[in-house]
């Protein structure tokens, strides 16, 4: 039996930024920030970006972005045994 999770919703940056619990739950030690799916000003497609505790959004190259909305990443695909 497969469980269906409720789709996360986009959170406008004007409403709020990730809180400390969301930061901890999504922390990626390889990139020193929390990974989220984000929409960016001037880009058509969402991107995976990292959020720092200082409030900056950046990619794997450490390039900063102006985020308009964000959401948690979906769970990684797992094959059925």
N, C-alpha and C. Protein backbone atom coordinates (compact mmCIF):
# COMPACT_ATOMS: atom_id res chain seq x y z
N UNK A 1 0.85 -1.19 0.00
CA UNK A 1 0.00 0.00 0.00
C UNK A 1 0.89 1.24 0.00
N UNK A 2 0.62 2.13 -0.90
CA UNK A 2 1.39 3.37 -0.98
C UNK A 2 0.66 4.48 -0.25
N UNK A 3 1.43 5.26 0.49
CA UNK A 3 0.84 6.41 1.17
C UNK A 3 1.07 7.64 0.34
N UNK A 4 0.06 8.46 0.24
CA UNK A 4 0.17 9.71 -0.49
C UNK A 4 0.34 10.84 0.50
N UNK A 5 1.38 11.62 0.31
CA UNK A 5 1.61 12.76 1.21
C UNK A 5 0.93 13.98 0.62
N UNK A 6 0.53 14.86 1.50
CA UNK A 6 -0.07 16.12 1.07
C UNK A 6 1.03 16.98 0.44
N UNK A 7 0.76 17.52 -0.73
CA UNK A 7 1.73 18.38 -1.41
C UNK A 7 1.99 19.63 -0.59
N UNK A 8 3.26 19.92 -0.40
CA UNK A 8 3.63 21.15 0.30
C UNK A 8 3.20 22.34 -0.55
N UNK A 9 2.96 23.43 0.07
CA UNK A 9 2.54 24.65 -0.64
C UNK A 9 3.68 25.64 -0.69
N UNK A 10 3.67 26.48 -1.73
CA UNK A 10 4.65 27.55 -1.85
C UNK A 10 4.39 28.58 -0.76
N UNK A 11 5.46 29.06 -0.16
CA UNK A 11 5.38 30.08 0.88
C UNK A 11 6.05 31.34 0.35
N UNK A 12 5.28 32.40 0.10
CA UNK A 12 5.89 33.65 -0.37
C UNK A 12 6.89 34.18 0.65
N UNK A 13 8.00 34.68 0.18
CA UNK A 13 9.05 35.21 1.06
C UNK A 13 8.52 36.42 1.83
N UNK A 14 7.49 37.09 1.26
CA UNK A 14 6.88 38.23 1.96
C UNK A 14 6.08 37.77 3.17
N UNK A 15 5.65 36.49 3.19
CA UNK A 15 4.93 35.94 4.35
C UNK A 15 5.91 35.56 5.46
N UNK A 16 6.94 34.81 5.08
CA UNK A 16 7.95 34.41 6.07
C UNK A 16 9.11 33.66 5.40
N UNK A 17 10.21 33.60 6.13
CA UNK A 17 11.38 32.82 5.73
C UNK A 17 11.34 31.51 6.51
N UNK A 18 12.17 30.53 6.14
CA UNK A 18 12.19 29.28 6.90
C UNK A 18 12.49 29.54 8.38
N UNK A 19 11.78 28.85 9.25
CA UNK A 19 12.03 29.01 10.69
C UNK A 19 13.16 28.08 11.12
N UNK A 20 13.55 28.17 12.38
CA UNK A 20 14.71 27.40 12.86
C UNK A 20 14.47 25.89 12.77
N UNK A 21 13.25 25.42 13.01
CA UNK A 21 12.95 23.99 12.91
C UNK A 21 13.08 23.52 11.45
N UNK A 22 12.53 24.29 10.52
CA UNK A 22 12.63 23.94 9.10
C UNK A 22 14.09 23.96 8.65
N UNK A 23 14.86 24.91 9.18
CA UNK A 23 16.29 24.98 8.85
C UNK A 23 16.99 23.69 9.29
N UNK A 24 16.76 23.28 10.53
CA UNK A 24 17.40 22.07 11.07
C UNK A 24 16.95 20.83 10.30
N UNK A 25 15.64 20.70 10.03
CA UNK A 25 15.11 19.52 9.33
C UNK A 25 15.65 19.38 7.92
N UNK A 26 16.03 20.48 7.28
CA UNK A 26 16.45 20.46 5.88
C UNK A 26 17.93 20.81 5.70
N UNK A 27 18.69 20.77 6.79
CA UNK A 27 20.10 21.16 6.74
C UNK A 27 20.91 20.20 5.88
N UNK A 28 21.76 20.76 5.03
CA UNK A 28 22.66 19.99 4.16
C UNK A 28 24.08 20.39 4.53
N UNK A 29 24.77 19.52 5.26
CA UNK A 29 26.11 19.85 5.76
C UNK A 29 27.13 20.05 4.64
N UNK A 30 26.89 19.47 3.46
CA UNK A 30 27.80 19.67 2.33
C UNK A 30 27.76 21.11 1.82
N UNK A 31 26.66 21.81 2.06
CA UNK A 31 26.49 23.17 1.54
C UNK A 31 26.30 24.22 2.63
N UNK A 32 26.40 23.80 3.90
CA UNK A 32 26.31 24.72 5.05
C UNK A 32 25.03 25.56 5.06
N UNK A 33 23.93 24.93 4.65
CA UNK A 33 22.65 25.62 4.66
C UNK A 33 21.53 24.60 4.51
N UNK A 34 20.31 25.06 4.61
CA UNK A 34 19.14 24.20 4.47
C UNK A 34 18.67 24.24 3.02
N UNK A 35 18.39 23.07 2.45
CA UNK A 35 17.98 22.95 1.05
C UNK A 35 16.47 23.07 0.92
N UNK A 36 16.05 23.93 0.00
CA UNK A 36 14.63 24.12 -0.29
C UNK A 36 14.45 24.30 -1.79
N UNK A 37 13.23 24.09 -2.26
CA UNK A 37 12.86 24.42 -3.63
C UNK A 37 12.43 25.88 -3.61
N UNK A 38 12.93 26.67 -4.54
CA UNK A 38 12.66 28.10 -4.50
C UNK A 38 12.33 28.65 -5.88
N UNK A 39 11.45 29.64 -5.91
CA UNK A 39 11.24 30.40 -7.14
C UNK A 39 12.05 31.67 -7.00
N UNK A 40 12.64 32.07 -8.12
CA UNK A 40 13.59 33.17 -8.12
C UNK A 40 13.15 34.24 -9.10
N UNK A 41 13.34 35.50 -8.74
CA UNK A 41 13.03 36.61 -9.65
C UNK A 41 13.79 36.42 -10.95
N UNK A 42 13.06 36.51 -12.07
CA UNK A 42 13.68 36.44 -13.38
C UNK A 42 13.90 35.03 -13.92
N UNK A 43 13.57 33.98 -13.17
CA UNK A 43 13.74 32.59 -13.62
C UNK A 43 12.37 31.96 -13.82
N UNK A 44 12.25 31.14 -14.88
CA UNK A 44 10.97 30.50 -15.16
C UNK A 44 10.72 29.25 -14.31
N UNK A 45 11.78 28.51 -14.01
CA UNK A 45 11.64 27.25 -13.29
C UNK A 45 12.13 27.36 -11.86
N UNK A 46 11.53 26.59 -10.95
CA UNK A 46 12.02 26.56 -9.57
C UNK A 46 13.43 25.97 -9.53
N UNK A 47 14.17 26.30 -8.49
CA UNK A 47 15.54 25.82 -8.32
C UNK A 47 15.72 25.29 -6.90
N UNK A 48 16.64 24.34 -6.74
CA UNK A 48 17.03 23.93 -5.40
C UNK A 48 18.08 24.93 -4.93
N UNK A 49 17.78 25.62 -3.84
CA UNK A 49 18.70 26.59 -3.27
C UNK A 49 18.91 26.29 -1.80
N UNK A 50 19.96 26.88 -1.26
CA UNK A 50 20.29 26.70 0.14
C UNK A 50 20.04 28.01 0.88
N UNK A 51 19.51 27.88 2.09
CA UNK A 51 19.19 29.04 2.92
C UNK A 51 20.14 29.05 4.10
N UNK A 52 20.83 30.17 4.31
CA UNK A 52 21.77 30.27 5.43
C UNK A 52 21.09 30.86 6.65
N UNK A 53 21.70 30.67 7.78
CA UNK A 53 21.16 31.24 9.02
C UNK A 53 21.23 32.76 9.02
N UNK A 54 22.01 33.34 8.11
CA UNK A 54 22.09 34.80 8.00
C UNK A 54 21.05 35.36 7.04
N UNK A 55 20.20 34.47 6.46
CA UNK A 55 19.11 34.92 5.61
C UNK A 55 19.41 35.01 4.13
N UNK A 56 20.54 34.44 3.68
CA UNK A 56 20.88 34.47 2.26
C UNK A 56 20.46 33.17 1.58
N UNK A 57 20.06 33.30 0.33
CA UNK A 57 19.72 32.16 -0.52
C UNK A 57 20.83 32.02 -1.55
N UNK A 58 21.37 30.81 -1.74
CA UNK A 58 22.47 30.62 -2.67
C UNK A 58 22.43 29.21 -3.27
N UNK A 59 23.17 29.05 -4.39
CA UNK A 59 23.22 27.75 -5.05
C UNK A 59 24.53 27.03 -4.68
N UNK A 60 24.78 25.90 -5.34
CA UNK A 60 25.97 25.10 -5.03
C UNK A 60 27.27 25.86 -5.29
N UNK A 61 27.22 26.87 -6.16
CA UNK A 61 28.40 27.68 -6.46
C UNK A 61 28.54 28.87 -5.52
N UNK A 62 27.65 28.97 -4.55
CA UNK A 62 27.61 30.06 -3.57
C UNK A 62 27.16 31.39 -4.19
N UNK A 63 26.48 31.32 -5.34
CA UNK A 63 25.92 32.52 -5.98
C UNK A 63 24.61 32.86 -5.30
N UNK A 64 24.42 34.13 -4.93
CA UNK A 64 23.20 34.58 -4.25
C UNK A 64 22.05 34.77 -5.21
N UNK A 65 20.82 34.56 -4.70
CA UNK A 65 19.60 34.72 -5.49
C UNK A 65 18.56 35.49 -4.69
N UNK A 66 17.66 36.15 -5.42
CA UNK A 66 16.52 36.84 -4.81
C UNK A 66 15.32 35.91 -4.93
N UNK A 67 14.97 35.29 -3.83
CA UNK A 67 13.88 34.31 -3.79
C UNK A 67 12.55 35.01 -3.57
N UNK A 68 11.53 34.56 -4.33
CA UNK A 68 10.19 35.12 -4.18
C UNK A 68 9.26 34.19 -3.37
N UNK A 69 9.53 32.87 -3.44
CA UNK A 69 8.74 31.89 -2.68
C UNK A 69 9.58 30.63 -2.52
N UNK A 70 9.24 29.83 -1.52
CA UNK A 70 10.00 28.61 -1.25
C UNK A 70 9.08 27.53 -0.70
N UNK A 71 9.57 26.30 -0.71
CA UNK A 71 8.85 25.17 -0.13
C UNK A 71 9.85 24.06 0.18
N UNK A 72 9.44 23.10 1.01
CA UNK A 72 10.31 21.96 1.32
C UNK A 72 10.50 21.11 0.08
N UNK A 73 11.65 20.45 -0.02
CA UNK A 73 11.90 19.53 -1.13
C UNK A 73 11.04 18.29 -0.94
N UNK A 74 10.60 17.68 -2.04
CA UNK A 74 9.88 16.41 -1.90
C UNK A 74 10.85 15.33 -1.43
N UNK A 75 10.32 14.26 -0.89
CA UNK A 75 11.17 13.15 -0.48
C UNK A 75 11.82 12.51 -1.69
N UNK A 76 13.03 12.03 -1.52
CA UNK A 76 13.75 11.37 -2.60
C UNK A 76 13.03 10.07 -2.98
N UNK A 77 13.03 9.75 -4.27
CA UNK A 77 12.37 8.53 -4.77
C UNK A 77 13.06 7.28 -4.20
N UNK A 78 12.26 6.34 -3.76
CA UNK A 78 12.79 5.07 -3.28
C UNK A 78 12.09 3.95 -4.04
N UNK A 79 12.89 3.03 -4.61
CA UNK A 79 12.31 1.91 -5.34
C UNK A 79 11.67 0.93 -4.36
N UNK A 80 10.58 0.34 -4.81
CA UNK A 80 9.90 -0.64 -3.99
C UNK A 80 10.70 -1.94 -4.05
N UNK A 81 10.88 -2.61 -2.92
CA UNK A 81 11.67 -3.86 -2.88
C UNK A 81 10.87 -5.02 -3.39
